[in-house]
Amino acid sequence: MFRQSLSWFACVALLGASQAQAQAPKPPPSSKTSTPVAKLAAGIQARTLKNGLTVIVWPDHDIPNVAFNNWFRVGSRNERPGITGLSHFFEHMMFNGAKKYGPGEFDRVMEANGGANNAFTSEDVTVYLDWFPSSALPLIFDLEADRLQSLAFDPKVIESERGVVYSERRSGVDNDNSGALMEQMQATAFVAHPYQIPVIGWPSDIESWRMEDLQRYYKTYYAPNNATLVIAGDVEPASLFALVERTLGAIPSQPAPEPVRTKEPEQQGERRITLKRMAQSPLLQVAYHSLAANDPEAETLELLGLILTDGDSSRLHRKLVEDARVAIRVRGIFSGGFDPSLTWFMVDLPPGGDLPRAEALLTEELARVAKDGVTDAELRKARNIALATFWRKLETNDGRARELGAAATFRGDWRALLDAPTRYEKVTRDRVRTLAARLFNSDHRTVGWLVPTAAPATPARKEASR
């Protein structure tokens, strides 16, 4: 979730000495000729420092601004009972002071120099985002170097941020019906894999993190060899690499974090949960075991999701909202990460809505797609939407940094970005139908109902005696 309480699609290494020449981008294996993306990305350079930090630079001098993304390969997937929520907690702690810049100084200095920042945590990664004028580049790197090697662990600050995180949990889960149902669904869908752990953490763990837990976690996962730094904007690669070397190159590497070896066993029957809470309207959520982010069919799933839930002309909106009028909104999410995750369908019903009928209609439409596939017109529209979204992202420094970081982190090489349009073009109706038949298996799904309960009766007031 985002640092400032913002939470369908989530929606990497080059070895070399610090003074090695930056490597020019190579065309992806599937590209016989230069693609439009390759031409746009011709200036990208990348290298890995001696301490293991991967640095990718996409120079563009159209405007004097820079987008800075630092991707750490740590999320709730790396946690265990007793320390759940720590990845998200560090998203907060990293803004609360270090050796050179004290509490509140990171934001103050950043904003005083025309910059802004944010961060987000998922099951797989924690990403720190800075946007600032290129003239502030040395100062921003000084800020980042300080918190990456000398983060303060002040007990008072820790307790303050513990309270902030717990408040965020109350607003996003405990007091939010959709969030509460989703948390229970995730914990039910996974019985072995740590994707069962909520990013925000379980309440008792939030209350009981210890100082040694925090210090060990920081040393293990905030090491340069566990990060990919992406810079896009008004920079010269040679001088940028020199600056990175001066400011971040001296931070020592650490032993590689213990890999996540657990694989979720195949689900062998539908799982169901019912959550009873005070609410105005019922909710339906259905989650199918799905793909990892780097699966060869990831683009097929994205287009299938657009056909099913994107906009008023999507299949599930027309069927459940417009035709049957059993729902007021239908959403879809593919939360792909390092390991196979879930494909979600979320249906908001009106007050007094019919949960069994809504579920039956949703299941019926997914079975129809699995059996009959989609039309040429549906696939063409979804591809156009996906390609338009892709190109829009590459119009800005922020979008370029995000897309490079995601390709490097989840696909293992930033060059995977270069043939993304080709991967969309190769999706066929048969691939869509085959994937739908593979995923939409009722034995591999978890179904959740939120059933509204009445508010507790308020005791009548006694009249005061005269």
Protein backbone atom coordinates (compact mmCIF):
# COMPACT_ATOMS: atom_id res chain seq x y z
CA MET A 1 0.00 0.00 0.00
CA PHE A 2 1.12 3.53 -0.46
CA ARG A 3 2.78 5.46 2.27
CA GLN A 4 -0.06 7.97 2.33
CA SER A 5 -2.80 5.34 2.75
CA LEU A 6 -3.39 4.65 -0.94
CA SER A 7 -3.14 0.90 -1.58
CA TRP A 8 -6.41 -4.67 -12.36
CA PHE A 9 -2.66 -5.26 -12.51
CA ALA A 10 0.20 -4.83 -10.52
CA CYS A 11 -0.62 -4.02 -10.60
CA VAL A 12 17.02 -8.23 -12.88
CA ALA A 13 21.16 -8.57 -12.92
CA LEU A 14 24.27 -7.20 -14.62
CA LEU A 15 27.68 -8.01 -13.09
CA GLY A 16 30.65 -5.66 -13.35
CA ALA A 17 33.09 -3.53 -11.44
CA SER A 18 32.15 -0.02 -10.43
CA GLN A 19 34.35 1.45 -13.17
CA ALA A 20 33.15 -0.97 -15.89
CA GLN A 21 31.68 0.49 -19.03
CA ALA A 22 27.87 0.83 -18.99
CA GLN A 23 26.29 -1.84 -21.07
CA ALA A 24 24.31 -0.81 -24.14
CA PRO A 25 20.83 -2.30 -24.38
CA LYS A 26 20.56 -5.51 -26.39
CA PRO A 27 17.49 -6.29 -28.49
CA PRO A 28 15.22 -8.93 -26.99
CA PRO A 29 15.67 -12.42 -28.48
CA SER A 30 12.27 -12.28 -30.24
CA SER A 31 13.05 -9.01 -32.06
CA LYS A 32 14.54 -9.33 -35.54
CA THR A 33 14.26 -5.60 -36.19
CA SER A 34 14.27 -2.55 -34.00
CA THR A 35 10.90 -2.03 -32.33
CA PRO A 36 9.36 1.38 -31.57
CA VAL A 37 10.11 0.80 -27.89
CA ALA A 38 13.73 -0.09 -28.64
CA LYS A 39 14.13 3.14 -30.59
CA LEU A 40 12.61 5.14 -27.74
CA ALA A 41 14.80 3.33 -25.21
CA ALA A 42 18.02 3.52 -27.24
CA GLY A 43 19.76 5.61 -24.57
CA ILE A 44 19.13 3.28 -21.63
CA GLN A 45 22.27 2.13 -19.85
CA ALA A 46 22.70 -0.23 -16.91
CA ARG A 47 25.42 -1.58 -14.67
CA THR A 48 25.84 -3.38 -11.38
CA LEU A 49 28.17 -1.93 -8.74
CA LYS A 50 30.65 -4.00 -6.73
CA ASN A 51 28.23 -4.04 -3.80
CA GLY A 52 25.53 -5.64 -5.98
CA LEU A 53 23.32 -2.57 -6.54
CA THR A 54 21.80 -2.71 -10.04
CA VAL A 55 21.42 0.76 -11.60
CA ILE A 56 19.38 1.49 -14.74
CA VAL A 57 19.33 4.93 -16.36
CA TRP A 58 16.90 6.19 -19.02
CA PRO A 59 18.04 9.68 -20.03
CA ASP A 60 15.55 12.16 -21.51
CA HIS A 61 16.23 15.88 -21.61
CA ASP A 62 12.78 17.17 -22.66
CA ILE A 63 12.16 18.64 -19.21
CA PRO A 64 14.61 19.31 -16.35
CA ASN A 65 13.05 16.74 -14.03
CA VAL A 66 14.02 13.30 -12.73
CA ALA A 67 12.11 10.24 -11.50
CA PHE A 68 13.94 8.06 -8.97
CA ASN A 69 12.64 4.54 -8.20
CA ASN A 70 14.40 2.20 -5.77
CA TRP A 71 12.95 -1.32 -5.91
CA PHE A 72 13.72 -3.55 -2.92
CA ARG A 73 12.85 -7.22 -3.32
CA VAL A 74 11.06 -7.51 -0.01
CA GLY A 75 7.37 -7.69 0.85
CA SER A 76 4.98 -9.68 3.00
CA ARG A 77 6.11 -12.77 1.04
CA ASN A 78 9.36 -12.56 3.02
CA GLU A 79 7.70 -12.43 6.45
CA ARG A 80 6.70 -15.10 8.93
CA PRO A 81 4.41 -15.36 11.95
CA GLY A 82 5.57 -12.94 14.61
CA ILE A 83 6.94 -10.30 12.22
CA THR A 84 4.10 -9.91 9.71
CA GLY A 85 3.71 -6.33 8.51
CA LEU A 86 7.39 -5.43 8.89
CA SER A 87 7.90 -4.72 5.16
CA HIS A 88 5.13 -2.16 5.23
CA PHE A 89 6.36 -0.77 8.54
CA PHE A 90 9.74 0.01 6.97
CA GLU A 91 7.96 1.88 4.22
CA HIS A 92 7.06 4.30 7.01
CA MET A 93 10.29 4.12 9.00
CA MET A 94 12.47 5.03 6.03
CA PHE A 95 11.09 8.58 6.21
CA ASN A 96 11.73 9.04 9.93
CA GLY A 97 15.33 10.09 10.22
CA ALA A 98 18.86 8.76 9.90
CA LYS A 99 22.34 9.89 10.94
CA LYS A 100 22.67 13.10 8.89
CA TYR A 101 19.04 14.03 8.31
CA GLY A 102 16.87 13.71 11.40
CA PRO A 103 13.13 13.04 11.83
CA GLY A 104 11.06 14.95 9.29
CA GLU A 105 14.13 16.20 7.43
CA PHE A 106 13.80 13.88 4.43
CA ASP A 107 10.43 15.36 3.47
CA ARG A 108 11.38 18.89 4.43
CA VAL A 109 14.59 18.96 2.39
CA MET A 110 12.96 17.19 -0.55
CA GLU A 111 10.06 19.63 -0.70
CA ALA A 112 12.26 22.68 -0.12
CA ASN A 113 14.13 21.73 -3.30
CA GLY A 114 11.01 21.29 -5.42
CA GLY A 115 10.70 17.54 -4.98
CA ALA A 116 8.06 15.08 -3.81
CA ASN A 117 8.16 11.46 -2.72
CA ASN A 118 6.10 8.42 -1.89
CA ALA A 119 6.47 4.66 -1.46
CA PHE A 120 4.43 1.48 -1.68
CA THR A 121 4.61 -2.08 -0.37
CA SER A 122 3.17 -5.25 -1.90
CA GLU A 123 3.48 -8.96 -1.25
CA ASP A 124 6.74 -8.95 -3.27
CA VAL A 125 8.43 -5.54 -3.24
CA THR A 126 8.84 -2.26 -1.42
CA VAL A 127 9.44 0.67 -3.78
CA TYR A 128 10.57 4.20 -2.93
CA LEU A 129 9.69 6.99 -5.35
CA ASP A 130 11.20 10.47 -5.66
CA TRP A 131 10.39 13.17 -8.22
CA PHE A 132 12.53 16.32 -8.34
CA PRO A 133 14.29 18.91 -10.53
CA SER A 134 17.52 17.61 -12.04
CA SER A 135 19.41 20.43 -10.30
CA ALA A 136 18.68 18.69 -6.96
CA LEU A 137 20.18 15.35 -8.03
CA PRO A 138 23.27 15.41 -5.72
CA LEU A 139 21.18 16.43 -2.71
CA ILE A 140 18.57 13.72 -3.29
CA PHE A 141 21.30 11.09 -3.49
CA ASP A 142 22.72 12.39 -0.25
CA LEU A 143 19.30 11.96 1.38
CA GLU A 144 18.93 8.45 0.00
CA ALA A 145 22.45 7.38 0.99
CA ASP A 146 21.83 8.55 4.55
CA ARG A 147 18.71 6.49 5.12
CA LEU A 148 20.07 3.44 3.25
CA GLN A 149 23.11 3.08 5.48
CA SER A 150 22.28 4.86 8.73
CA LEU A 151 18.55 4.59 9.44
CA ALA A 152 17.72 5.65 12.98
CA PHE A 153 15.91 3.26 15.32
CA ASP A 154 14.60 5.68 17.90
CA PRO A 155 12.22 3.85 20.27
CA LYS A 156 9.88 6.85 20.45
CA VAL A 157 9.67 7.10 16.65
CA ILE A 158 9.12 3.35 16.38
CA GLU A 159 6.20 3.49 18.80
CA SER A 160 4.74 6.50 17.01
CA GLU A 161 4.90 4.76 13.62
CA ARG A 162 3.55 1.55 15.15
CA GLY A 163 0.47 3.56 16.07
CA VAL A 164 0.25 5.04 12.56
CA VAL A 165 0.40 1.60 10.96
CA TYR A 166 -2.19 0.20 13.36
CA SER A 167 -4.47 3.14 12.52
CA GLU A 168 -3.99 2.38 8.83
CA ARG A 169 -4.97 -1.22 9.47
CA ARG A 170 -8.13 -0.12 11.27
CA SER A 171 -9.20 2.17 8.41
CA GLY A 172 -8.23 -0.17 5.54
CA VAL A 173 -9.22 -3.55 7.01
CA ASP A 174 -10.92 -3.56 10.39
CA ASN A 175 -13.37 -0.78 9.47
CA ASP A 176 -13.60 -1.55 5.74
CA ASN A 177 -15.88 -4.41 4.71
CA SER A 178 -14.22 -5.07 1.34
CA GLY A 179 -10.74 -4.99 2.89
CA ALA A 180 -11.77 -7.29 5.72
CA LEU A 181 -13.28 -9.84 3.32
CA MET A 182 -10.25 -9.67 1.04
CA GLU A 183 -7.88 -10.33 3.93
CA GLN A 184 -9.85 -13.41 5.00
CA MET A 185 -10.04 -14.59 1.38
CA GLN A 186 -6.28 -14.33 0.92
CA ALA A 187 -5.61 -16.22 4.15
CA THR A 188 -8.04 -18.96 3.03
CA ALA A 189 -6.86 -19.27 -0.59
CA PHE A 190 -3.25 -19.94 0.49
CA VAL A 191 -2.58 -22.68 3.01
CA ALA A 192 1.23 -22.93 2.70
CA HIS A 193 2.67 -20.01 0.73
CA PRO A 194 3.37 -16.72 2.56
CA TYR A 195 1.07 -14.89 0.14
CA GLN A 196 -1.47 -15.72 2.86
CA ILE A 197 0.08 -12.95 5.00
CA PRO A 198 -1.61 -9.53 4.73
CA VAL A 199 0.74 -6.73 3.67
CA ILE A 200 -0.44 -4.56 6.57
CA GLY A 201 0.32 -7.38 9.05
CA TRP A 202 -1.74 -9.20 11.66
CA PRO A 203 -2.81 -7.09 14.68
CA SER A 204 -0.90 -9.01 17.33
CA ASP A 205 2.32 -8.82 15.31
CA ILE A 206 2.00 -5.07 14.78
CA GLU A 207 1.70 -4.73 18.54
CA SER A 208 4.74 -6.90 19.32
CA TRP A 209 7.58 -6.19 16.84
CA ARG A 210 10.84 -5.98 18.78
CA MET A 211 13.86 -3.77 18.18
CA GLU A 212 16.01 -6.75 17.17
CA ASP A 213 13.34 -7.79 14.62
CA LEU A 214 13.54 -4.37 12.99
CA GLN A 215 17.33 -4.14 12.94
CA ARG A 216 17.74 -7.65 11.53
CA TYR A 217 15.12 -7.03 8.83
CA TYR A 218 16.71 -3.73 7.79
CA LYS A 219 20.20 -5.23 7.52
CA THR A 220 18.96 -8.25 5.55
CA TYR A 221 16.60 -6.66 3.03
CA TYR A 222 17.79 -3.04 2.71
CA ALA A 223 21.16 -4.16 1.36
CA PRO A 224 22.29 -2.80 -2.04
CA ASN A 225 22.49 -6.31 -3.50
CA ASN A 226 18.73 -6.66 -2.84
CA ALA A 227 17.79 -3.50 -4.76
CA THR A 228 17.37 -2.15 -8.28
CA LEU A 229 17.68 1.61 -8.72
CA VAL A 230 16.01 3.18 -11.76
CA ILE A 231 16.58 6.80 -12.80
CA ALA A 232 14.61 8.37 -15.69
CA GLY A 233 14.83 11.95 -16.85
CA ASP A 234 17.28 14.80 -17.32
CA VAL A 235 20.54 13.03 -16.46
CA GLU A 236 23.81 12.17 -18.21
CA PRO A 237 24.51 8.45 -17.64
CA ALA A 238 28.26 8.82 -17.13
CA SER A 239 27.93 11.50 -14.46
CA LEU A 240 24.94 9.72 -12.92
CA PHE A 241 26.88 6.47 -12.52
CA ALA A 242 29.75 8.41 -10.96
CA LEU A 243 27.33 10.02 -8.50
CA VAL A 244 25.81 6.64 -7.61
CA GLU A 245 29.28 5.25 -7.02
CA ARG A 246 30.24 8.14 -4.72
CA THR A 247 27.06 8.08 -2.65
CA LEU A 248 25.78 4.49 -2.68
CA GLY A 249 28.77 2.46 -3.83
CA ALA A 250 30.37 2.36 -0.39
CA ILE A 251 27.33 0.82 1.31
CA PRO A 252 28.37 -2.79 2.01
CA SER A 253 26.51 -5.72 0.52
CA GLN A 254 24.99 -8.36 2.79
CA PRO A 255 24.49 -12.12 2.50
CA ALA A 256 21.64 -12.81 0.09
CA PRO A 257 18.28 -13.10 1.87
CA GLU A 258 16.95 -16.58 2.42
CA PRO A 259 14.89 -17.48 -0.68
CA VAL A 260 11.20 -18.28 -0.43
CA ARG A 261 11.11 -21.99 -1.24
CA THR A 262 7.52 -22.83 -0.30
CA LYS A 263 5.22 -23.64 -3.22
CA GLU A 264 1.47 -23.59 -2.76
CA PRO A 265 0.06 -27.12 -3.24
CA GLU A 266 -2.68 -27.52 -5.84
CA GLN A 267 -6.09 -26.74 -4.41
CA GLN A 268 -8.37 -29.78 -4.58
CA GLY A 269 -11.77 -28.32 -3.97
CA GLU A 270 -13.60 -25.03 -3.64
CA ARG A 271 -13.18 -23.15 -0.37
CA ARG A 272 -15.85 -20.84 0.99
CA ILE A 273 -16.00 -18.27 3.74
CA THR A 274 -18.83 -16.15 5.07
CA LEU A 275 -18.09 -12.94 6.91
CA LYS A 276 -20.92 -11.43 8.93
CA ARG A 277 -20.51 -7.72 9.64
CA MET A 278 -22.59 -4.66 10.12
CA ALA A 279 -23.02 -3.36 6.57
CA GLN A 280 -25.56 -1.77 4.26
CA SER A 281 -24.91 -4.11 1.32
CA PRO A 282 -23.61 -7.64 0.70
CA LEU A 283 -20.32 -8.26 -1.09
CA LEU A 284 -19.15 -11.16 -3.25
CA GLN A 285 -15.48 -11.97 -3.91
CA VAL A 286 -14.16 -14.89 -5.96
CA ALA A 287 -10.42 -15.64 -6.23
CA TYR A 288 -8.88 -18.21 -8.57
CA HIS A 289 -5.32 -19.50 -8.29
CA SER A 290 -3.51 -17.85 -11.14
CA LEU A 291 -0.14 -16.86 -12.66
CA ALA A 292 3.14 -15.30 -11.65
CA ALA A 293 4.04 -11.92 -13.13
CA ASN A 294 6.62 -13.39 -15.51
CA ASP A 295 4.35 -16.17 -16.82
CA PRO A 296 4.32 -16.39 -20.66
CA GLU A 297 0.54 -15.93 -20.51
CA ALA A 298 0.63 -12.78 -18.33
CA GLU A 299 -0.43 -10.54 -21.27
CA THR A 300 -3.16 -13.05 -22.20
CA LEU A 301 -4.54 -12.77 -18.68
CA GLU A 302 -4.37 -8.98 -18.78
CA LEU A 303 -6.42 -8.88 -22.00
CA LEU A 304 -8.88 -11.45 -20.62
CA GLY A 305 -9.31 -9.29 -17.54
CA LEU A 306 -10.00 -6.19 -19.64
CA ILE A 307 -12.64 -8.09 -21.62
CA LEU A 308 -14.33 -9.28 -18.45
CA THR A 309 -14.28 -6.20 -16.20
CA ASP A 310 -12.97 -3.04 -17.88
CA GLY A 311 -15.67 -0.46 -18.49
CA ASP A 312 -19.41 -0.46 -19.09
CA SER A 313 -19.11 -2.66 -22.21
CA SER A 314 -17.20 -5.42 -20.37
CA ARG A 315 -18.85 -8.81 -20.12
CA LEU A 316 -19.39 -8.96 -16.38
CA HIS A 317 -20.62 -5.35 -16.14
CA ARG A 318 -23.21 -5.96 -18.88
CA LYS A 319 -24.36 -9.27 -17.39
CA LEU A 320 -24.46 -8.48 -13.67
CA VAL A 321 -25.03 -4.72 -13.58
CA GLU A 322 -27.04 -3.84 -16.69
CA ASP A 323 -28.92 -7.02 -17.68
CA ALA A 324 -29.58 -8.90 -14.44
CA ARG A 325 -29.25 -5.83 -12.18
CA VAL A 326 -27.89 -7.92 -9.33
CA ALA A 327 -24.81 -5.74 -8.81
CA ILE A 328 -23.84 -2.09 -8.81
CA ARG A 329 -20.13 -2.68 -9.60
CA VAL A 330 -17.83 -5.47 -10.78
CA ARG A 331 -14.04 -5.27 -10.53
CA GLY A 332 -11.14 -7.57 -11.40
CA ILE A 333 -7.57 -7.81 -10.08
CA PHE A 334 -4.60 -9.91 -11.15
CA SER A 335 -2.09 -9.56 -8.32
CA GLY A 336 0.82 -11.28 -10.07
CA GLY A 337 4.16 -11.40 -8.27
CA PHE A 338 7.27 -13.55 -8.05
CA ASP A 339 5.11 -16.64 -7.47
CA PRO A 340 1.68 -17.67 -8.80
CA SER A 341 -0.92 -15.54 -7.08
CA LEU A 342 -4.66 -14.94 -7.52
CA THR A 343 -7.08 -13.55 -10.07
CA TRP A 344 -9.89 -11.76 -8.24
CA PHE A 345 -13.46 -10.81 -9.09
CA MET A 346 -15.21 -8.41 -6.70
CA VAL A 347 -18.93 -7.78 -6.94
CA ASP A 348 -20.65 -5.01 -4.98
CA LEU A 349 -24.36 -5.72 -4.52
CA PRO A 350 -27.15 -3.24 -3.71
CA PRO A 351 -28.81 -3.28 -0.28
CA GLY A 352 -30.75 -6.52 0.04
CA GLY A 353 -28.90 -7.98 -2.96
CA ASP A 354 -29.11 -11.65 -3.91
CA LEU A 355 -25.68 -13.21 -3.24
CA PRO A 356 -26.48 -16.73 -4.58
CA ARG A 357 -27.81 -15.29 -7.86
CA ALA A 358 -24.88 -12.93 -8.30
CA GLU A 359 -22.42 -15.77 -7.72
CA ALA A 360 -24.30 -18.07 -10.14
CA LEU A 361 -24.29 -15.43 -12.90
CA LEU A 362 -20.58 -14.68 -12.41
CA THR A 363 -19.72 -18.40 -12.52
CA GLU A 364 -21.92 -18.86 -15.60
CA GLU A 365 -20.20 -16.08 -17.54
CA LEU A 366 -16.69 -17.30 -16.65
CA ALA A 367 -17.67 -20.83 -17.76
CA ARG A 368 -18.99 -19.39 -21.05
CA VAL A 369 -15.66 -17.69 -21.76
CA ALA A 370 -13.78 -20.88 -20.87
CA LYS A 371 -15.97 -22.89 -23.28
CA ASP A 372 -16.64 -20.49 -26.17
CA GLY A 373 -13.85 -17.94 -25.85
CA VAL A 374 -14.15 -14.26 -26.80
CA THR A 375 -14.93 -12.45 -30.04
CA ASP A 376 -12.50 -10.79 -32.42
CA ALA A 377 -14.00 -7.42 -31.54
CA GLU A 378 -13.54 -8.00 -27.80
CA LEU A 379 -9.91 -9.05 -28.22
CA ARG A 380 -9.14 -6.13 -30.54
CA LYS A 381 -10.64 -3.65 -28.10
CA ALA A 382 -8.75 -5.11 -25.13
CA ARG A 383 -5.47 -5.08 -27.06
CA ASN A 384 -6.02 -1.46 -28.06
CA ILE A 385 -6.68 -0.49 -24.43
CA ALA A 386 -3.58 -2.34 -23.19
CA LEU A 387 -1.32 -0.84 -25.87
CA ALA A 388 -2.67 2.67 -25.35
CA THR A 389 -2.07 2.34 -21.60
CA PHE A 390 1.45 1.03 -22.19
CA TRP A 391 2.41 3.92 -24.47
CA ARG A 392 0.87 6.49 -22.14
CA LYS A 393 3.04 5.21 -19.30
CA LEU A 394 6.15 5.77 -21.39
CA GLU A 395 5.26 9.43 -21.99
CA THR A 396 6.48 10.46 -18.52
CA ASN A 397 9.67 9.98 -16.56
CA ASP A 398 7.66 8.45 -13.73
CA GLY A 399 6.00 5.93 -16.06
CA ARG A 400 9.31 4.99 -17.66
CA ALA A 401 10.98 4.43 -14.30
CA ARG A 402 8.07 2.31 -13.06
CA GLU A 403 7.95 0.16 -16.22
CA LEU A 404 11.72 -0.36 -16.26
CA GLY A 405 11.72 -1.26 -12.58
CA ALA A 406 8.86 -3.72 -12.96
CA ALA A 407 10.47 -5.43 -15.99
CA ALA A 408 13.83 -5.68 -14.24
CA THR A 409 12.37 -6.93 -10.97
CA PHE A 410 9.63 -9.30 -12.09
CA ARG A 411 10.90 -10.46 -15.50
CA GLY A 412 14.58 -10.56 -14.53
CA ASP A 413 15.78 -8.12 -17.23
CA TRP A 414 14.74 -4.56 -18.05
CA ARG A 415 15.00 -5.44 -21.77
CA ALA A 416 11.75 -7.41 -21.41
CA LEU A 417 10.12 -3.98 -21.65
CA LEU A 418 11.26 -3.63 -25.28
CA ASP A 419 8.98 -6.28 -26.79
CA ALA A 420 5.93 -5.75 -24.55
CA PRO A 421 3.78 -4.51 -27.49
CA THR A 422 4.77 -7.62 -29.46
CA ARG A 423 3.62 -9.84 -26.61
CA TYR A 424 0.18 -8.18 -26.68
CA GLU A 425 -0.02 -8.59 -30.48
CA LYS A 426 0.68 -12.32 -30.20
CA VAL A 427 -2.32 -12.97 -27.94
CA THR A 428 -4.96 -14.90 -29.91
CA ARG A 429 -8.56 -15.85 -29.22
CA ASP A 430 -7.48 -19.47 -28.77
CA ARG A 431 -4.89 -18.50 -26.16
CA VAL A 432 -7.53 -16.49 -24.28
CA ARG A 433 -10.01 -19.38 -24.31
CA THR A 434 -7.34 -21.91 -23.28
CA LEU A 435 -6.19 -19.76 -20.37
CA ALA A 436 -9.77 -19.13 -19.20
CA ALA A 437 -10.44 -22.89 -19.24
CA ARG A 438 -7.24 -23.45 -17.26
CA LEU A 439 -7.86 -20.82 -14.60
CA PHE A 440 -11.62 -20.77 -14.07
CA ASN A 441 -11.80 -24.17 -12.41
CA SER A 442 -14.19 -24.19 -9.45
CA ASP A 443 -11.89 -26.62 -7.60
CA HIS A 444 -9.18 -23.94 -7.63
CA ARG A 445 -11.19 -21.03 -6.29
CA THR A 446 -12.13 -19.45 -3.00
CA VAL A 447 -15.54 -17.79 -2.66
CA GLY A 448 -16.28 -15.17 -0.06
CA TRP A 449 -19.59 -13.65 0.98
CA LEU A 450 -20.00 -10.66 3.21
CA VAL A 451 -23.46 -10.92 4.76
CA PRO A 452 -24.79 -7.75 6.42
CA THR A 453 -25.97 -7.97 9.99
CA ALA A 454 -28.21 -5.55 11.80
CA ALA A 455 -26.70 -2.94 14.06
CA PRO A 456 -26.99 -3.81 17.77
CA ALA A 457 -30.02 -2.33 19.38
CA THR A 458 -29.33 0.88 21.27
CA PRO A 459 -30.66 0.75 24.84
CA ALA A 460 -33.51 3.19 25.43
CA ARG A 461 -32.57 6.18 27.55
CA LYS A 462 -34.19 6.44 30.95
CA GLU A 463 -36.00 9.66 31.62
CA ALA A 464 -34.27 11.72 34.24
CA SER A 465 -36.23 12.06 37.51
CA ARG A 466 -37.53 15.46 38.39
